[in-house]
Amino acid sequence: MAFNFGIHECNKYFLQHRIATKCRGYNRFEFLENPPIHIGYVRRFIERNEPIKKNRLETLQCCYDIYFGTVTNFRPAEAIRIYTKYNATSILAPCAGWGGRCFAAMHCNIPYFGYDTNIDLAPAYEAFIQEYNNSSTAQITFEDSAKADFSKLTYNMVFTSPPYWSREQYKHMPNYKNKKDWITTFLEPMIRNSYKYLAPGGHYCINVPKKMYPLLVNILGEADIHEPYHKLARNTTTYSEYIYIWRKPHCNSGMPLSM
């Protein structure tokens, strides 16, 4: 399967929403259009002896990526690899995001239950599912997954990439006072809530930067598997990002969570 499989289809509906998402206070448009904001970063960029791009726009784009980060979509090809490798038959995505895992589930004809607080994505998801859904059941619910009722759903895989509180500011995401508030109000209840109804023997999969992994260990214990996230098109044996996977026991003994 091609490395970029499904990227064009997701971008068709979600690229404009990703670009409009704020990273560390500004979205890409705001940064590019406001010299008072970007001039200091350009100076720092040059002082670091970064390669100068061919034109001003390329330089600004590179500055934004370095100093603010990028809002990326999870690659459908990687989601398909995980679904296949770990025998997913029904998937819960507590943070649905930009359609990558949903597209992969539709391609594999696997039922998919996505949750997100960004109600602005509703028209995009409706059209997206209508165009690309095959015989699978793909559903998106716009609700806080930390408070949602998953008890009536049947799923043997949870797969998500939760936003990091200080980096991305998604539309309609609650405002958290600080990191501790984000953990206690969102991250921990979201994980506990979605793990609780995961089928025994199922897999709980979270893709986060390495610096977030200790937060997951505090909630779930050490992951059973550190699955490399093949994020780069070129072949590499060095991975800076992983999909951390916990396998839910078939009985209550040894469960990583205290429910």
C-alpha atoms as a PDB file:
ATOM      1  CA  MET A   1       0.000   0.000   0.000  1.00  0.00           C
ATOM      2  CA  ALA A   2       1.255   3.473  -0.908  1.00  0.00           C
ATOM      3  CA  PHE A   3       2.657   5.484   1.993  1.00  0.00           C
ATOM      4  CA  ASN A   4       0.354   8.433   1.227  1.00  0.00           C
ATOM      5  CA  PHE A   5      -2.743   6.296   0.738  1.00  0.00           C
ATOM      6  CA  GLY A   6      -5.867   8.223   1.805  1.00  0.00           C
ATOM      7  CA  ILE A   7      -4.088  11.546   2.449  1.00  0.00           C
ATOM      8  CA  HIS A   8      -5.668  13.278  -0.556  1.00  0.00           C
ATOM      9  CA  GLU A   9      -9.139  12.070   0.442  1.00  0.00           C
ATOM     10  CA  CYS A  10      -8.740  13.368   4.008  1.00  0.00           C
ATOM     11  CA  ASN A  11      -7.255  16.680   2.879  1.00  0.00           C
ATOM     12  CA  LYS A  12     -10.198  17.240   0.566  1.00  0.00           C
ATOM     13  CA  TYR A  13     -12.465  17.694   3.591  1.00  0.00           C
ATOM     14  CA  PHE A  14     -10.198  18.520   6.541  1.00  0.00           C
ATOM     15  CA  LEU A  15      -7.129  20.426   5.322  1.00  0.00           C
ATOM     16  CA  GLN A  16      -8.757  23.844   5.723  1.00  0.00           C
ATOM     17  CA  HIS A  17      -9.721  22.953   9.302  1.00  0.00           C
ATOM     18  CA  ARG A  18      -6.208  21.773  10.158  1.00  0.00           C
ATOM     19  CA  ILE A  19      -4.606  24.952   8.814  1.00  0.00           C
ATOM     20  CA  ALA A  20      -7.045  27.086  10.820  1.00  0.00           C
ATOM     21  CA  THR A  21      -6.156  25.308  14.081  1.00  0.00           C
ATOM     22  CA  LYS A  22      -4.035  27.353  16.486  1.00  0.00           C
ATOM     23  CA  CYS A  23      -0.662  26.074  17.652  1.00  0.00           C
ATOM     24  CA  ARG A  24       0.730  27.892  20.677  1.00  0.00           C
ATOM     25  CA  GLY A  25      -1.661  30.776  20.210  1.00  0.00           C
ATOM     26  CA  TYR A  26      -1.647  31.331  16.438  1.00  0.00           C
ATOM     27  CA  ASN A  27      -2.811  29.459  13.391  1.00  0.00           C
ATOM     28  CA  ARG A  28      -0.756  29.434  10.203  1.00  0.00           C
ATOM     29  CA  PHE A  29      -2.779  32.213   8.535  1.00  0.00           C
ATOM     30  CA  GLU A  30      -2.404  34.541  11.535  1.00  0.00           C
ATOM     31  CA  PHE A  31       1.337  33.964  11.637  1.00  0.00           C
ATOM     32  CA  LEU A  32       1.893  34.552   7.923  1.00  0.00           C
ATOM     33  CA  GLU A  33      -0.234  37.697   7.721  1.00  0.00           C
ATOM     34  CA  ASN A  34       1.160  39.552  10.775  1.00  0.00           C
ATOM     35  CA  PRO A  35       4.760  40.847  10.564  1.00  0.00           C
ATOM     36  CA  PRO A  36       4.763  41.920  14.251  1.00  0.00           C
ATOM     37  CA  ILE A  37       4.247  38.260  15.120  1.00  0.00           C
ATOM     38  CA  HIS A  38       6.618  36.573  12.705  1.00  0.00           C
ATOM     39  CA  ILE A  39       9.547  38.991  12.317  1.00  0.00           C
ATOM     40  CA  GLY A  40      11.208  37.923  15.567  1.00  0.00           C
ATOM     41  CA  TYR A  41      10.957  34.256  14.620  1.00  0.00           C
ATOM     42  CA  VAL A  42      12.486  34.947  11.200  1.00  0.00           C
ATOM     43  CA  ARG A  43      15.477  36.608  12.899  1.00  0.00           C
ATOM     44  CA  ARG A  44      15.914  33.627  15.211  1.00  0.00           C
ATOM     45  CA  PHE A  45      15.593  31.331  12.207  1.00  0.00           C
ATOM     46  CA  ILE A  46      18.438  33.116  10.419  1.00  0.00           C
ATOM     47  CA  GLU A  47      20.589  33.287  13.567  1.00  0.00           C
ATOM     48  CA  ARG A  48      20.338  29.522  13.892  1.00  0.00           C
ATOM     49  CA  ASN A  49      21.918  29.261  10.437  1.00  0.00           C
ATOM     50  CA  GLU A  50      18.889  27.471   9.067  1.00  0.00           C
ATOM     51  CA  PRO A  51      18.944  27.095   5.278  1.00  0.00           C
ATOM     52  CA  ILE A  52      17.310  30.118   3.657  1.00  0.00           C
ATOM     53  CA  LYS A  53      14.352  29.119   1.531  1.00  0.00           C
ATOM     54  CA  LYS A  54      13.835  30.226  -2.048  1.00  0.00           C
ATOM     55  CA  ASN A  55      11.266  32.851  -1.202  1.00  0.00           C
ATOM     56  CA  ARG A  56       9.715  34.710   1.716  1.00  0.00           C
ATOM     57  CA  LEU A  57       6.656  32.462   1.951  1.00  0.00           C
ATOM     58  CA  GLU A  58       8.745  29.303   2.213  1.00  0.00           C
ATOM     59  CA  THR A  59      10.864  30.915   4.933  1.00  0.00           C
ATOM     60  CA  LEU A  60       7.766  31.888   6.927  1.00  0.00           C
ATOM     61  CA  GLN A  61       6.222  28.450   6.497  1.00  0.00           C
ATOM     62  CA  CYS A  62       9.409  26.826   7.786  1.00  0.00           C
ATOM     63  CA  CYS A  63       9.551  29.230  10.754  1.00  0.00           C
ATOM     64  CA  TYR A  64       5.998  28.339  11.734  1.00  0.00           C
ATOM     65  CA  ASP A  65       6.720  24.611  11.526  1.00  0.00           C
ATOM     66  CA  ILE A  66       9.835  24.950  13.715  1.00  0.00           C
ATOM     67  CA  TYR A  67       8.570  27.337  16.389  1.00  0.00           C
ATOM     68  CA  PHE A  68       4.857  26.529  16.525  1.00  0.00           C
ATOM     69  CA  GLY A  69       4.536  23.015  15.127  1.00  0.00           C
ATOM     70  CA  THR A  70       2.215  21.477  12.581  1.00  0.00           C
ATOM     71  CA  VAL A  71      -1.271  20.034  12.918  1.00  0.00           C
ATOM     72  CA  THR A  72      -1.010  16.752  11.070  1.00  0.00           C
ATOM     73  CA  ASN A  73      -3.413  13.997  10.154  1.00  0.00           C
ATOM     74  CA  PHE A  74      -2.790  10.415  11.245  1.00  0.00           C
ATOM     75  CA  ARG A  75      -1.816   8.483   8.125  1.00  0.00           C
ATOM     76  CA  PRO A  76      -4.564   6.111   6.963  1.00  0.00           C
ATOM     77  CA  ALA A  77      -1.964   3.610   5.733  1.00  0.00           C
ATOM     78  CA  GLU A  78      -0.565   3.342   9.268  1.00  0.00           C
ATOM     79  CA  ALA A  79      -4.052   2.974  10.744  1.00  0.00           C
ATOM     80  CA  ILE A  80      -4.773   0.132   8.303  1.00  0.00           C
ATOM     81  CA  ARG A  81      -1.517  -1.549   9.338  1.00  0.00           C
ATOM     82  CA  ILE A  82      -2.486  -1.376  13.020  1.00  0.00           C
ATOM     83  CA  TYR A  83      -6.077  -2.515  12.412  1.00  0.00           C
ATOM     84  CA  THR A  84      -4.814  -5.522  10.462  1.00  0.00           C
ATOM     85  CA  LYS A  85      -1.939  -6.443  12.758  1.00  0.00           C
ATOM     86  CA  TYR A  86      -4.063  -6.346  15.922  1.00  0.00           C
ATOM     87  CA  ASN A  87      -7.273  -7.795  14.465  1.00  0.00           C
ATOM     88  CA  ALA A  88      -9.583  -4.827  14.971  1.00  0.00           C
ATOM     89  CA  THR A  89     -13.231  -5.697  14.393  1.00  0.00           C
ATOM     90  CA  SER A  90     -14.781  -2.492  15.761  1.00  0.00           C
ATOM     91  CA  ILE A  91     -12.991   0.745  16.636  1.00  0.00           C
ATOM     92  CA  LEU A  92     -13.586   3.565  19.110  1.00  0.00           C
ATOM     93  CA  ALA A  93     -11.757   6.853  18.454  1.00  0.00           C
ATOM     94  CA  PRO A  94     -12.247   9.177  21.463  1.00  0.00           C
ATOM     95  CA  CYS A  95     -10.512  12.021  19.579  1.00  0.00           C
ATOM     96  CA  ALA A  96     -11.564  11.541  15.959  1.00  0.00           C
ATOM     97  CA  GLY A  97      -9.519  14.412  14.564  1.00  0.00           C
ATOM     98  CA  TRP A  98      -9.020  14.823  10.833  1.00  0.00           C
ATOM     99  CA  GLY A  99     -10.426  11.628   9.357  1.00  0.00           C
ATOM    100  CA  GLY A 100      -7.323   9.462   8.954  1.00  0.00           C
ATOM    101  CA  ARG A 101      -8.380   6.600  11.220  1.00  0.00           C
ATOM    102  CA  CYS A 102     -11.970   6.915  10.027  1.00  0.00           C
ATOM    103  CA  PHE A 103     -10.931   6.615   6.374  1.00  0.00           C
ATOM    104  CA  ALA A 104      -8.828   3.563   7.214  1.00  0.00           C
ATOM    105  CA  ALA A 105     -11.751   1.898   8.993  1.00  0.00           C
ATOM    106  CA  MET A 106     -14.074   2.579   6.062  1.00  0.00           C
ATOM    107  CA  HIS A 107     -11.503   1.160   3.649  1.00  0.00           C
ATOM    108  CA  CYS A 108     -11.247  -2.011   5.768  1.00  0.00           C
ATOM    109  CA  ASN A 109     -15.039  -2.239   6.270  1.00  0.00           C
ATOM    110  CA  ILE A 110     -14.625  -2.060  10.049  1.00  0.00           C
ATOM    111  CA  PRO A 111     -17.284  -0.342  12.218  1.00  0.00           C
ATOM    112  CA  TYR A 112     -15.935   2.951  13.549  1.00  0.00           C
ATOM    113  CA  PHE A 113     -17.214   5.153  16.387  1.00  0.00           C
ATOM    114  CA  GLY A 114     -15.549   8.552  16.445  1.00  0.00           C
ATOM    115  CA  TYR A 115     -15.995  11.270  19.079  1.00  0.00           C
ATOM    116  CA  ASP A 116     -14.879  14.888  18.882  1.00  0.00           C
ATOM    117  CA  THR A 117     -15.795  18.231  20.441  1.00  0.00           C
ATOM    118  CA  ASN A 118     -15.189  20.262  17.263  1.00  0.00           C
ATOM    119  CA  ILE A 119     -18.749  20.600  15.968  1.00  0.00           C
ATOM    120  CA  ASP A 120     -17.428  22.674  13.044  1.00  0.00           C
ATOM    121  CA  LEU A 121     -16.277  19.381  11.525  1.00  0.00           C
ATOM    122  CA  ALA A 122     -19.831  18.011  11.307  1.00  0.00           C
ATOM    123  CA  PRO A 123     -20.531  19.022   7.666  1.00  0.00           C
ATOM    124  CA  ALA A 124     -17.089  17.801   6.573  1.00  0.00           C
ATOM    125  CA  TYR A 125     -17.517  14.428   8.273  1.00  0.00           C
ATOM    126  CA  GLU A 126     -21.026  13.986   6.887  1.00  0.00           C
ATOM    127  CA  ALA A 127     -19.812  14.522   3.316  1.00  0.00           C
ATOM    128  CA  PHE A 128     -16.618  12.526   3.941  1.00  0.00           C
ATOM    129  CA  ILE A 129     -18.470   9.462   5.178  1.00  0.00           C
ATOM    130  CA  GLN A 130     -21.089   9.735   2.452  1.00  0.00           C
ATOM    131  CA  GLU A 131     -18.409   9.737  -0.261  1.00  0.00           C
ATOM    132  CA  TYR A 132     -16.002   7.101   1.046  1.00  0.00           C
ATOM    133  CA  ASN A 133     -18.035   4.764   3.253  1.00  0.00           C
ATOM    134  CA  ASN A 134     -18.345   1.282   1.810  1.00  0.00           C
ATOM    135  CA  SER A 135     -20.308  -1.329   3.705  1.00  0.00           C
ATOM    136  CA  SER A 136     -18.864  -0.436   7.117  1.00  0.00           C
ATOM    137  CA  THR A 137     -20.627   1.573   9.782  1.00  0.00           C
ATOM    138  CA  ALA A 138     -18.843   4.871  10.448  1.00  0.00           C
ATOM    139  CA  GLN A 139     -20.385   7.180  13.036  1.00  0.00           C
ATOM    140  CA  ILE A 140     -19.146  10.516  14.386  1.00  0.00           C
ATOM    141  CA  THR A 141     -20.580  11.941  17.608  1.00  0.00           C
ATOM    142  CA  PHE A 142     -19.729  15.484  18.644  1.00  0.00           C
ATOM    143  CA  GLU A 143     -19.371  15.094  22.374  1.00  0.00           C
ATOM    144  CA  ASP A 144     -16.653  15.226  25.015  1.00  0.00           C
ATOM    145  CA  SER A 145     -15.283  11.676  25.164  1.00  0.00           C
ATOM    146  CA  ALA A 146     -14.323  12.175  28.818  1.00  0.00           C
ATOM    147  CA  LYS A 147     -18.048  12.320  29.610  1.00  0.00           C
ATOM    148  CA  ALA A 148     -19.591  10.194  26.844  1.00  0.00           C
ATOM    149  CA  ASP A 149     -21.463   6.940  27.517  1.00  0.00           C
ATOM    150  CA  PHE A 150     -19.674   4.104  25.697  1.00  0.00           C
ATOM    151  CA  SER A 151     -21.540   1.336  27.506  1.00  0.00           C
ATOM    152  CA  LYS A 152     -23.826   0.597  24.546  1.00  0.00           C
ATOM    153  CA  LEU A 153     -20.985   0.310  22.040  1.00  0.00           C
ATOM    154  CA  THR A 154     -19.080  -2.847  21.177  1.00  0.00           C
ATOM    155  CA  TYR A 155     -15.423  -2.366  20.238  1.00  0.00           C
ATOM    156  CA  ASN A 156     -12.217  -4.369  20.516  1.00  0.00           C
ATOM    157  CA  MET A 157      -9.853  -1.492  19.723  1.00  0.00           C
ATOM    158  CA  VAL A 158      -9.469   2.060  20.989  1.00  0.00           C
ATOM    159  CA  PHE A 159      -7.226   4.126  18.738  1.00  0.00           C
ATOM    160  CA  THR A 160      -6.635   7.829  19.263  1.00  0.00           C
ATOM    161  CA  SER A 161      -4.181  10.728  19.319  1.00  0.00           C
ATOM    162  CA  PRO A 162      -5.279  13.095  22.096  1.00  0.00           C
ATOM    163  CA  PRO A 163      -4.283  16.765  21.784  1.00  0.00           C
ATOM    164  CA  TYR A 164      -1.561  18.023  24.097  1.00  0.00           C
ATOM    165  CA  TRP A 165      -2.980  20.811  26.224  1.00  0.00           C
ATOM    166  CA  SER A 166      -0.309  23.477  25.643  1.00  0.00           C
ATOM    167  CA  ARG A 167       0.276  22.923  21.943  1.00  0.00           C
ATOM    168  CA  GLU A 168      -2.893  22.738  19.854  1.00  0.00           C
ATOM    169  CA  GLN A 169      -6.041  24.716  20.506  1.00  0.00           C
ATOM    170  CA  TYR A 170      -8.825  23.001  18.599  1.00  0.00           C
ATOM    171  CA  LYS A 171     -12.097  24.800  18.058  1.00  0.00           C
ATOM    172  CA  HIS A 172     -14.718  24.081  20.728  1.00  0.00           C
ATOM    173  CA  MET A 173     -12.145  22.329  22.911  1.00  0.00           C
ATOM    174  CA  PRO A 174     -12.599  23.245  26.593  1.00  0.00           C
ATOM    175  CA  ASN A 175     -10.184  25.782  28.042  1.00  0.00           C
ATOM    176  CA  TYR A 176      -7.940  24.101  30.579  1.00  0.00           C
ATOM    177  CA  LYS A 177      -6.356  26.178  33.345  1.00  0.00           C
ATOM    178  CA  ASN A 178      -3.065  24.308  33.263  1.00  0.00           C
ATOM    179  CA  LYS A 179      -1.549  20.905  32.575  1.00  0.00           C
ATOM    180  CA  LYS A 180      -2.927  19.386  35.784  1.00  0.00           C
ATOM    181  CA  ASP A 181      -6.426  20.564  34.904  1.00  0.00           C
ATOM    182  CA  TRP A 182      -6.087  19.044  31.417  1.00  0.00           C
ATOM    183  CA  ILE A 183      -5.010  15.710  32.902  1.00  0.00           C
ATOM    184  CA  THR A 184      -7.709  15.496  35.579  1.00  0.00           C
ATOM    185  CA  THR A 185     -10.530  16.991  33.473  1.00  0.00           C
ATOM    186  CA  PHE A 186      -9.806  15.367  30.116  1.00  0.00           C
ATOM    187  CA  LEU A 187      -6.937  12.929  29.654  1.00  0.00           C
ATOM    188  CA  GLU A 188      -7.452  10.616  32.628  1.00  0.00           C
ATOM    189  CA  PRO A 189     -11.282  10.421  32.472  1.00  0.00           C
ATOM    190  CA  MET A 190     -11.163  10.003  28.677  1.00  0.00           C
ATOM    191  CA  ILE A 191      -8.780   7.055  28.984  1.00  0.00           C
ATOM    192  CA  ARG A 192     -10.632   5.433  31.868  1.00  0.00           C
ATOM    193  CA  ASN A 193     -13.997   5.930  30.207  1.00  0.00           C
ATOM    194  CA  SER A 194     -12.944   4.429  26.873  1.00  0.00           C
ATOM    195  CA  TYR A 195     -10.895   1.592  28.390  1.00  0.00           C
ATOM    196  CA  LYS A 196     -13.733   0.516  30.666  1.00  0.00           C
ATOM    197  CA  TYR A 197     -15.897  -0.860  27.844  1.00  0.00           C
ATOM    198  CA  LEU A 198     -13.086  -2.157  25.628  1.00  0.00           C
ATOM    199  CA  ALA A 199     -13.690  -5.842  24.931  1.00  0.00           C
ATOM    200  CA  PRO A 200     -11.463  -8.244  26.915  1.00  0.00           C
ATOM    201  CA  GLY A 201      -8.508  -9.209  24.753  1.00  0.00           C
ATOM    202  CA  GLY A 202      -8.848  -5.942  22.837  1.00  0.00           C
ATOM    203  CA  HIS A 203      -6.142  -3.360  22.271  1.00  0.00           C
ATOM    204  CA  TYR A 204      -5.896   0.188  23.575  1.00  0.00           C
ATOM    205  CA  CYS A 205      -3.735   2.238  21.188  1.00  0.00           C
ATOM    206  CA  ILE A 206      -2.550   5.811  21.724  1.00  0.00           C
ATOM    207  CA  ASN A 207      -0.254   7.783  19.452  1.00  0.00           C
ATOM    208  CA  VAL A 208       1.458  10.600  21.389  1.00  0.00           C
ATOM    209  CA  PRO A 209       4.908  12.248  21.528  1.00  0.00           C
ATOM    210  CA  LYS A 210       7.438  10.537  23.791  1.00  0.00           C
ATOM    211  CA  LYS A 211       7.187  13.287  26.411  1.00  0.00           C
ATOM    212  CA  MET A 212       3.528  12.381  26.971  1.00  0.00           C
ATOM    213  CA  TYR A 213       4.172   8.687  27.551  1.00  0.00           C
ATOM    214  CA  PRO A 214       4.866   9.026  31.328  1.00  0.00           C
ATOM    215  CA  LEU A 215       1.392  10.551  31.706  1.00  0.00           C
ATOM    216  CA  LEU A 216      -0.092   7.427  30.124  1.00  0.00           C
ATOM    217  CA  VAL A 217       1.965   5.164  32.386  1.00  0.00           C
ATOM    218  CA  ASN A 218       0.505   6.920  35.424  1.00  0.00           C
ATOM    219  CA  ILE A 219      -2.952   5.928  34.217  1.00  0.00           C
ATOM    220  CA  LEU A 220      -2.521   2.632  32.371  1.00  0.00           C
ATOM    221  CA  GLY A 221       0.813   1.313  33.573  1.00  0.00           C
ATOM    222  CA  GLU A 222       3.615   0.408  31.173  1.00  0.00           C
ATOM    223  CA  ALA A 223       2.485  -0.306  27.620  1.00  0.00           C
ATOM    224  CA  ASP A 224       2.676  -3.880  26.382  1.00  0.00           C
ATOM    225  CA  ILE A 225       3.899  -2.757  22.956  1.00  0.00           C
ATOM    226  CA  HIS A 226       5.753   0.284  21.606  1.00  0.00           C
ATOM    227  CA  GLU A 227       4.759   0.193  17.948  1.00  0.00           C
ATOM    228  CA  PRO A 228       6.831   2.544  15.730  1.00  0.00           C
ATOM    229  CA  TYR A 229       4.723   5.109  13.908  1.00  0.00           C
ATOM    230  CA  HIS A 230       5.948   5.058  10.316  1.00  0.00           C
ATOM    231  CA  LYS A 231       5.602   8.769   9.820  1.00  0.00           C
ATOM    232  CA  LEU A 232       8.293   9.351   7.210  1.00  0.00           C
ATOM    233  CA  ALA A 233       8.225   8.193   3.627  1.00  0.00           C
ATOM    234  CA  ARG A 234      11.926   7.335   3.621  1.00  0.00           C
ATOM    235  CA  ASN A 235      13.143   4.113   5.167  1.00  0.00           C
ATOM    236  CA  THR A 236      14.468   4.632   8.672  1.00  0.00           C
ATOM    237  CA  THR A 237      15.230   2.593  11.774  1.00  0.00           C
ATOM    238  CA  THR A 238      15.073   5.608  14.093  1.00  0.00           C
ATOM    239  CA  TYR A 239      11.603   6.516  15.341  1.00  0.00           C
ATOM    240  CA  SER A 240      10.771   9.617  17.331  1.00  0.00           C
ATOM    241  CA  GLU A 241       7.103   8.738  17.748  1.00  0.00           C
ATOM    242  CA  TYR A 242       5.307   5.574  18.767  1.00  0.00           C
ATOM    243  CA  ILE A 243       1.869   4.059  19.045  1.00  0.00           C
ATOM    244  CA  TYR A 244       1.675   2.769  22.616  1.00  0.00           C
ATOM    245  CA  ILE A 245      -0.500  -0.309  22.936  1.00  0.00           C
ATOM    246  CA  TRP A 246      -2.049  -2.030  25.952  1.00  0.00           C
ATOM    247  CA  ARG A 247      -3.781  -5.393  25.637  1.00  0.00           C
ATOM    248  CA  LYS A 248      -6.790  -5.716  27.915  1.00  0.00           C
ATOM    249  CA  PRO A 249      -6.762  -8.961  29.911  1.00  0.00           C
ATOM    250  CA  HIS A 250      -9.546 -11.496  29.512  1.00  0.00           C
ATOM    251  CA  CYS A 251     -10.210 -11.315  33.250  1.00  0.00           C
ATOM    252  CA  ASN A 252     -10.075  -8.553  35.862  1.00  0.00           C
ATOM    253  CA  SER A 253      -6.821  -9.726  37.412  1.00  0.00           C
ATOM    254  CA  GLY A 254      -3.857  -7.695  36.291  1.00  0.00           C
ATOM    255  CA  MET A 255      -5.936  -4.916  34.763  1.00  0.00           C
ATOM    256  CA  PRO A 256      -3.907  -1.727  34.382  1.00  0.00           C
ATOM    257  CA  LEU A 257      -6.824   0.431  35.453  1.00  0.00           C
ATOM    258  CA  SER A 258      -8.643   0.543  38.758  1.00  0.00           C
ATOM    259  CA  MET A 259     -12.233   1.001  37.733  1.00  0.00           C
END
